[in-house]
Amino acid sequence: MKTEKDPRKWGAGKAALIVDDSPRIRKMIAEAFLADGFEMCAEAGNGREGIEAAKQNNPDIIVLDLSMPVMNGLQAAPELRKMYPRVPIILFTLYGNRLVETEACKAGVTMVLTKTEPLPVLLDRAHELIGD
């Protein structure tokens, strides 16, 4: 007998880290992950803060913005990758193009998504990468 997963519980017991310099976007993404059943969603306003938040929260998935002050997503990704070699990192940016994708891959980013994608697409990709 095949049972369907309850989509509201897909993220149950999981932790997400959202790193974006826009408080509005950060809150919107965090609320989407929490509504999806994630147990915890840490937030940070730049890459440096994101690295510190990762140390404190041990995320199962990391969502990074590209363009941020202090330390951008491409600068933070290699450090996060060293800390968490198996944790998926999604670069969620307005600037998704081939050059960004190539640089993101070199930096240790798992996937690049543009912010023009609806939030359910971000959540679906997160679940695919986590293995839910």
N, C-alpha and C. Protein backbone atom coordinates (compact mmCIF):
# COMPACT_ATOMS: atom_id res chain seq x y z
N MET A 1 0.83 -1.19 0.00
CA MET A 1 0.00 0.00 0.00
C MET A 1 0.88 1.25 0.00
N LYS A 2 0.67 2.13 -0.94
CA LYS A 2 1.45 3.35 -1.04
C LYS A 2 0.74 4.47 -0.27
N THR A 3 1.50 5.15 0.58
CA THR A 3 0.92 6.27 1.32
C THR A 3 1.56 7.56 0.85
N GLU A 4 0.77 8.59 0.77
CA GLU A 4 1.26 9.91 0.37
C GLU A 4 1.81 10.63 1.59
N LYS A 5 2.90 11.33 1.41
CA LYS A 5 3.41 12.18 2.48
C LYS A 5 2.47 13.35 2.66
N ASP A 6 2.30 13.74 3.90
CA ASP A 6 1.52 14.95 4.19
C ASP A 6 2.40 16.13 3.84
N PRO A 7 2.08 16.91 2.79
CA PRO A 7 2.96 18.00 2.38
C PRO A 7 3.19 19.03 3.47
N ARG A 8 2.29 19.12 4.43
CA ARG A 8 2.50 20.08 5.51
C ARG A 8 3.59 19.62 6.46
N LYS A 9 4.00 18.37 6.36
CA LYS A 9 4.99 17.82 7.28
C LYS A 9 6.32 17.49 6.59
N TRP A 10 6.47 17.87 5.33
CA TRP A 10 7.68 17.53 4.60
C TRP A 10 8.94 18.00 5.30
N GLY A 11 8.89 19.17 5.88
CA GLY A 11 10.08 19.72 6.52
C GLY A 11 10.19 19.37 7.99
N ALA A 12 9.32 18.50 8.50
CA ALA A 12 9.28 18.19 9.93
C ALA A 12 10.66 17.79 10.44
N GLY A 13 11.07 18.45 11.52
CA GLY A 13 12.35 18.14 12.14
C GLY A 13 13.56 18.75 11.45
N LYS A 14 13.34 19.47 10.37
CA LYS A 14 14.44 20.06 9.60
C LYS A 14 14.65 21.53 9.97
N ALA A 15 15.88 21.99 9.71
CA ALA A 15 16.23 23.39 9.97
C ALA A 15 16.70 24.03 8.67
N ALA A 16 16.23 25.24 8.43
CA ALA A 16 16.65 26.01 7.26
C ALA A 16 17.38 27.26 7.73
N LEU A 17 18.29 27.73 6.90
CA LEU A 17 18.98 29.00 7.13
C LEU A 17 18.73 29.88 5.91
N ILE A 18 18.16 31.06 6.14
CA ILE A 18 17.86 32.01 5.07
C ILE A 18 18.78 33.22 5.24
N VAL A 19 19.59 33.50 4.22
CA VAL A 19 20.54 34.61 4.28
C VAL A 19 20.22 35.57 3.14
N ASP A 20 19.67 36.73 3.50
CA ASP A 20 19.27 37.73 2.51
C ASP A 20 19.30 39.09 3.20
N ASP A 21 19.76 40.11 2.51
CA ASP A 21 19.84 41.44 3.13
C ASP A 21 18.51 42.16 3.22
N SER A 22 17.48 41.65 2.57
CA SER A 22 16.15 42.26 2.64
C SER A 22 15.34 41.57 3.75
N PRO A 23 15.04 42.29 4.83
CA PRO A 23 14.25 41.68 5.90
C PRO A 23 12.90 41.16 5.41
N ARG A 24 12.30 41.86 4.48
CA ARG A 24 10.99 41.45 3.95
C ARG A 24 11.10 40.11 3.23
N ILE A 25 12.08 39.98 2.37
CA ILE A 25 12.27 38.72 1.62
C ILE A 25 12.65 37.59 2.58
N ARG A 26 13.55 37.89 3.52
CA ARG A 26 13.95 36.89 4.52
C ARG A 26 12.75 36.34 5.27
N LYS A 27 11.91 37.24 5.76
CA LYS A 27 10.72 36.84 6.52
C LYS A 27 9.76 36.01 5.65
N MET A 28 9.58 36.44 4.42
CA MET A 28 8.67 35.74 3.52
C MET A 28 9.16 34.30 3.27
N ILE A 29 10.45 34.14 3.02
CA ILE A 29 11.00 32.80 2.78
C ILE A 29 10.94 31.97 4.06
N ALA A 30 11.32 32.57 5.18
CA ALA A 30 11.29 31.85 6.46
C ALA A 30 9.88 31.39 6.79
N GLU A 31 8.91 32.26 6.60
CA GLU A 31 7.52 31.89 6.88
C GLU A 31 7.06 30.74 5.98
N ALA A 32 7.50 30.74 4.73
CA ALA A 32 7.14 29.65 3.81
C ALA A 32 7.73 28.33 4.29
N PHE A 33 9.00 28.33 4.72
CA PHE A 33 9.62 27.10 5.22
C PHE A 33 8.94 26.63 6.50
N LEU A 34 8.64 27.55 7.41
CA LEU A 34 7.97 27.18 8.66
C LEU A 34 6.56 26.64 8.39
N ALA A 35 5.84 27.27 7.47
CA ALA A 35 4.50 26.80 7.12
C ALA A 35 4.56 25.42 6.46
N ASP A 36 5.70 25.11 5.86
CA ASP A 36 5.90 23.83 5.21
C ASP A 36 6.28 22.74 6.21
N GLY A 37 6.36 23.10 7.48
CA GLY A 37 6.64 22.10 8.50
C GLY A 37 8.05 22.10 9.04
N PHE A 38 8.92 22.97 8.51
CA PHE A 38 10.28 23.03 9.04
C PHE A 38 10.22 23.41 10.51
N GLU A 39 11.03 22.75 11.30
CA GLU A 39 11.03 22.98 12.74
C GLU A 39 11.61 24.35 13.09
N MET A 40 12.64 24.75 12.33
CA MET A 40 13.34 25.99 12.67
C MET A 40 13.83 26.66 11.39
N CYS A 41 13.84 27.97 11.39
CA CYS A 41 14.32 28.71 10.25
C CYS A 41 15.12 29.91 10.77
N ALA A 42 16.45 29.78 10.73
CA ALA A 42 17.32 30.87 11.17
C ALA A 42 17.44 31.88 10.04
N GLU A 43 17.71 33.13 10.41
CA GLU A 43 17.83 34.19 9.42
C GLU A 43 19.09 34.99 9.65
N ALA A 44 19.65 35.52 8.55
CA ALA A 44 20.82 36.38 8.62
C ALA A 44 20.75 37.39 7.49
N GLY A 45 21.35 38.59 7.72
CA GLY A 45 21.26 39.68 6.76
C GLY A 45 22.44 39.80 5.81
N ASN A 46 23.49 39.00 6.01
CA ASN A 46 24.63 38.99 5.09
C ASN A 46 25.38 37.68 5.27
N GLY A 47 26.35 37.43 4.41
CA GLY A 47 27.08 36.17 4.45
C GLY A 47 27.82 35.92 5.74
N ARG A 48 28.44 36.96 6.29
CA ARG A 48 29.18 36.81 7.56
C ARG A 48 28.23 36.38 8.68
N GLU A 49 27.07 37.06 8.78
CA GLU A 49 26.07 36.69 9.78
C GLU A 49 25.53 35.28 9.49
N GLY A 50 25.41 34.93 8.23
CA GLY A 50 24.93 33.61 7.84
C GLY A 50 25.86 32.51 8.31
N ILE A 51 27.16 32.73 8.22
CA ILE A 51 28.14 31.75 8.69
C ILE A 51 28.00 31.55 10.20
N GLU A 52 27.86 32.65 10.92
CA GLU A 52 27.67 32.56 12.39
C GLU A 52 26.35 31.85 12.73
N ALA A 53 25.29 32.18 12.00
CA ALA A 53 23.99 31.53 12.24
C ALA A 53 24.06 30.04 11.93
N ALA A 54 24.81 29.67 10.91
CA ALA A 54 24.96 28.25 10.56
C ALA A 54 25.65 27.50 11.69
N LYS A 55 26.69 28.10 12.27
CA LYS A 55 27.41 27.46 13.38
C LYS A 55 26.47 27.20 14.55
N GLN A 56 25.55 28.10 14.78
CA GLN A 56 24.64 27.99 15.93
C GLN A 56 23.44 27.09 15.66
N ASN A 57 23.05 26.91 14.40
CA ASN A 57 21.78 26.25 14.10
C ASN A 57 21.86 24.96 13.31
N ASN A 58 23.03 24.58 12.81
CA ASN A 58 23.21 23.32 12.10
C ASN A 58 22.10 23.06 11.06
N PRO A 59 22.05 23.86 10.00
CA PRO A 59 20.94 23.77 9.04
C PRO A 59 20.97 22.51 8.17
N ASP A 60 19.79 22.12 7.71
CA ASP A 60 19.65 21.02 6.75
C ASP A 60 19.63 21.55 5.32
N ILE A 61 19.33 22.84 5.17
CA ILE A 61 19.32 23.51 3.87
C ILE A 61 19.67 24.98 4.09
N ILE A 62 20.41 25.55 3.13
CA ILE A 62 20.80 26.95 3.22
C ILE A 62 20.33 27.67 1.96
N VAL A 63 19.66 28.80 2.14
CA VAL A 63 19.22 29.63 1.01
C VAL A 63 19.98 30.95 1.12
N LEU A 64 20.77 31.26 0.09
CA LEU A 64 21.62 32.45 0.08
C LEU A 64 21.20 33.41 -1.02
N ASP A 65 21.23 34.69 -0.70
CA ASP A 65 21.09 35.73 -1.72
C ASP A 65 22.48 35.94 -2.32
N LEU A 66 22.53 36.45 -3.52
CA LEU A 66 23.81 36.74 -4.15
C LEU A 66 24.36 38.09 -3.69
N SER A 67 23.58 39.13 -3.87
CA SER A 67 24.06 40.48 -3.64
C SER A 67 23.68 40.96 -2.24
N MET A 68 24.69 41.02 -1.35
CA MET A 68 24.49 41.47 0.02
C MET A 68 25.71 42.27 0.46
N PRO A 69 25.52 43.19 1.40
CA PRO A 69 26.67 43.92 1.94
C PRO A 69 27.51 43.01 2.83
N VAL A 70 28.68 43.46 3.20
CA VAL A 70 29.63 42.79 4.09
C VAL A 70 30.22 41.55 3.43
N MET A 71 29.40 40.55 3.12
CA MET A 71 29.84 39.34 2.44
C MET A 71 28.69 38.82 1.60
N ASN A 72 28.91 38.69 0.29
CA ASN A 72 27.83 38.24 -0.58
C ASN A 72 27.72 36.71 -0.58
N GLY A 73 26.72 36.21 -1.28
CA GLY A 73 26.48 34.77 -1.30
C GLY A 73 27.61 33.95 -1.89
N LEU A 74 28.26 34.46 -2.93
CA LEU A 74 29.37 33.71 -3.54
C LEU A 74 30.61 33.70 -2.64
N GLN A 75 30.73 34.69 -1.77
CA GLN A 75 31.84 34.69 -0.81
C GLN A 75 31.53 33.79 0.39
N ALA A 76 30.28 33.73 0.79
CA ALA A 76 29.90 32.91 1.95
C ALA A 76 29.81 31.43 1.61
N ALA A 77 29.40 31.10 0.39
CA ALA A 77 29.16 29.71 0.01
C ALA A 77 30.36 28.79 0.26
N PRO A 78 31.60 29.16 -0.13
CA PRO A 78 32.71 28.24 0.11
C PRO A 78 32.95 27.96 1.60
N GLU A 79 32.77 28.96 2.44
CA GLU A 79 32.95 28.75 3.87
C GLU A 79 31.85 27.85 4.42
N LEU A 80 30.62 28.08 3.98
CA LEU A 80 29.51 27.23 4.41
C LEU A 80 29.70 25.80 3.90
N ARG A 81 30.21 25.66 2.69
CA ARG A 81 30.45 24.34 2.11
C ARG A 81 31.49 23.57 2.92
N LYS A 82 32.55 24.26 3.37
CA LYS A 82 33.58 23.61 4.21
C LYS A 82 32.96 23.14 5.52
N MET A 83 32.11 23.97 6.10
CA MET A 83 31.48 23.64 7.38
C MET A 83 30.48 22.50 7.25
N TYR A 84 29.74 22.51 6.15
CA TYR A 84 28.65 21.55 5.93
C TYR A 84 28.76 20.95 4.52
N PRO A 85 29.66 20.01 4.32
CA PRO A 85 29.91 19.50 2.97
C PRO A 85 28.70 18.83 2.30
N ARG A 86 27.76 18.36 3.09
CA ARG A 86 26.61 17.65 2.50
C ARG A 86 25.31 18.44 2.51
N VAL A 87 25.32 19.62 3.08
CA VAL A 87 24.10 20.43 3.16
C VAL A 87 23.89 21.18 1.84
N PRO A 88 22.71 21.03 1.24
CA PRO A 88 22.44 21.76 0.00
C PRO A 88 22.42 23.27 0.23
N ILE A 89 23.00 23.99 -0.73
CA ILE A 89 22.99 25.45 -0.71
C ILE A 89 22.30 25.92 -1.99
N ILE A 90 21.23 26.69 -1.81
CA ILE A 90 20.51 27.27 -2.95
C ILE A 90 20.83 28.76 -3.01
N LEU A 91 21.34 29.21 -4.14
CA LEU A 91 21.54 30.64 -4.37
C LEU A 91 20.24 31.15 -4.97
N PHE A 92 19.52 31.97 -4.21
CA PHE A 92 18.20 32.49 -4.60
C PHE A 92 18.40 33.97 -4.90
N THR A 93 18.43 34.31 -6.18
CA THR A 93 18.90 35.63 -6.59
C THR A 93 18.09 36.22 -7.73
N LEU A 94 18.16 37.53 -7.85
CA LEU A 94 17.58 38.20 -9.01
C LEU A 94 18.47 38.04 -10.24
N TYR A 95 19.73 37.71 -10.01
CA TYR A 95 20.72 37.73 -11.09
C TYR A 95 21.13 36.32 -11.53
N GLY A 96 20.18 35.51 -11.94
CA GLY A 96 20.50 34.16 -12.38
C GLY A 96 20.84 34.12 -13.85
N ASN A 97 22.11 33.95 -14.18
CA ASN A 97 22.52 33.78 -15.57
C ASN A 97 23.66 32.76 -15.61
N ARG A 98 24.15 32.44 -16.77
CA ARG A 98 25.20 31.42 -16.92
C ARG A 98 26.45 31.76 -16.12
N LEU A 99 26.87 33.00 -16.15
CA LEU A 99 28.07 33.40 -15.41
C LEU A 99 27.87 33.19 -13.91
N VAL A 100 26.72 33.62 -13.40
CA VAL A 100 26.42 33.43 -11.98
C VAL A 100 26.38 31.94 -11.65
N GLU A 101 25.74 31.14 -12.50
CA GLU A 101 25.65 29.70 -12.26
C GLU A 101 27.03 29.06 -12.24
N THR A 102 27.91 29.46 -13.15
CA THR A 102 29.27 28.92 -13.19
C THR A 102 30.03 29.29 -11.93
N GLU A 103 29.97 30.57 -11.54
CA GLU A 103 30.66 31.02 -10.33
C GLU A 103 30.07 30.37 -9.08
N ALA A 104 28.77 30.21 -9.07
CA ALA A 104 28.10 29.59 -7.92
C ALA A 104 28.54 28.14 -7.77
N CYS A 105 28.64 27.43 -8.87
CA CYS A 105 29.09 26.04 -8.84
C CYS A 105 30.51 25.95 -8.27
N LYS A 106 31.38 26.83 -8.71
CA LYS A 106 32.76 26.87 -8.20
C LYS A 106 32.79 27.17 -6.70
N ALA A 107 31.83 27.96 -6.22
CA ALA A 107 31.78 28.36 -4.82
C ALA A 107 31.16 27.29 -3.92
N GLY A 108 30.60 26.24 -4.52
CA GLY A 108 30.00 25.18 -3.72
C GLY A 108 28.50 25.22 -3.62
N VAL A 109 27.87 26.09 -4.41
CA VAL A 109 26.41 26.19 -4.41
C VAL A 109 25.84 24.97 -5.14
N THR A 110 24.78 24.40 -4.60
CA THR A 110 24.15 23.22 -5.17
C THR A 110 23.23 23.58 -6.34
N MET A 111 22.50 24.69 -6.19
CA MET A 111 21.50 25.08 -7.19
C MET A 111 21.31 26.59 -7.19
N VAL A 112 21.06 27.14 -8.37
CA VAL A 112 20.73 28.57 -8.50
C VAL A 112 19.28 28.68 -8.94
N LEU A 113 18.51 29.46 -8.20
CA LEU A 113 17.13 29.76 -8.56
C LEU A 113 16.96 31.26 -8.60
N THR A 114 16.17 31.74 -9.54
CA THR A 114 15.92 33.18 -9.58
C THR A 114 14.73 33.52 -8.70
N LYS A 115 14.74 34.73 -8.18
CA LYS A 115 13.66 35.18 -7.30
C LYS A 115 12.37 35.42 -8.06
N THR A 116 12.39 35.25 -9.37
CA THR A 116 11.16 35.34 -10.14
C THR A 116 10.35 34.05 -10.02
N GLU A 117 10.99 32.99 -9.52
CA GLU A 117 10.29 31.72 -9.30
C GLU A 117 9.35 31.88 -8.10
N PRO A 118 8.17 31.27 -8.15
CA PRO A 118 7.27 31.32 -6.99
C PRO A 118 7.87 30.55 -5.81
N LEU A 119 7.53 30.96 -4.60
CA LEU A 119 8.06 30.30 -3.40
C LEU A 119 7.81 28.79 -3.37
N PRO A 120 6.67 28.29 -3.85
CA PRO A 120 6.51 26.83 -3.85
C PRO A 120 7.59 26.10 -4.65
N VAL A 121 8.12 26.73 -5.69
CA VAL A 121 9.20 26.13 -6.47
C VAL A 121 10.46 26.03 -5.60
N LEU A 122 10.77 27.08 -4.86
CA LEU A 122 11.91 27.06 -3.94
C LEU A 122 11.74 25.92 -2.93
N LEU A 123 10.56 25.80 -2.36
CA LEU A 123 10.31 24.73 -1.38
C LEU A 123 10.43 23.35 -2.02
N ASP A 124 9.88 23.18 -3.21
CA ASP A 124 9.99 21.89 -3.91
C ASP A 124 11.44 21.52 -4.16
N ARG A 125 12.25 22.49 -4.62
CA ARG A 125 13.66 22.21 -4.88
C ARG A 125 14.40 21.89 -3.58
N ALA A 126 14.05 22.60 -2.51
CA ALA A 126 14.66 22.32 -1.22
C ALA A 126 14.39 20.89 -0.79
N HIS A 127 13.14 20.44 -0.94
CA HIS A 127 12.80 19.07 -0.56
C HIS A 127 13.52 18.05 -1.44
N GLU A 128 13.62 18.35 -2.74
CA GLU A 128 14.34 17.45 -3.63
C GLU A 128 15.80 17.31 -3.19
N LEU A 129 16.42 18.43 -2.85
CA LEU A 129 17.83 18.41 -2.46
C LEU A 129 18.07 17.75 -1.11
N ILE A 130 17.13 17.94 -0.18
CA ILE A 130 17.26 17.32 1.14
C ILE A 130 16.98 15.83 1.04
N GLY A 131 16.16 15.46 0.08
CA GLY A 131 15.81 14.05 -0.07
C GLY A 131 14.50 13.68 0.58
N ASP A 132 13.64 14.66 0.80
CA ASP A 132 12.31 14.39 1.36
C ASP A 132 11.42 13.77 0.31
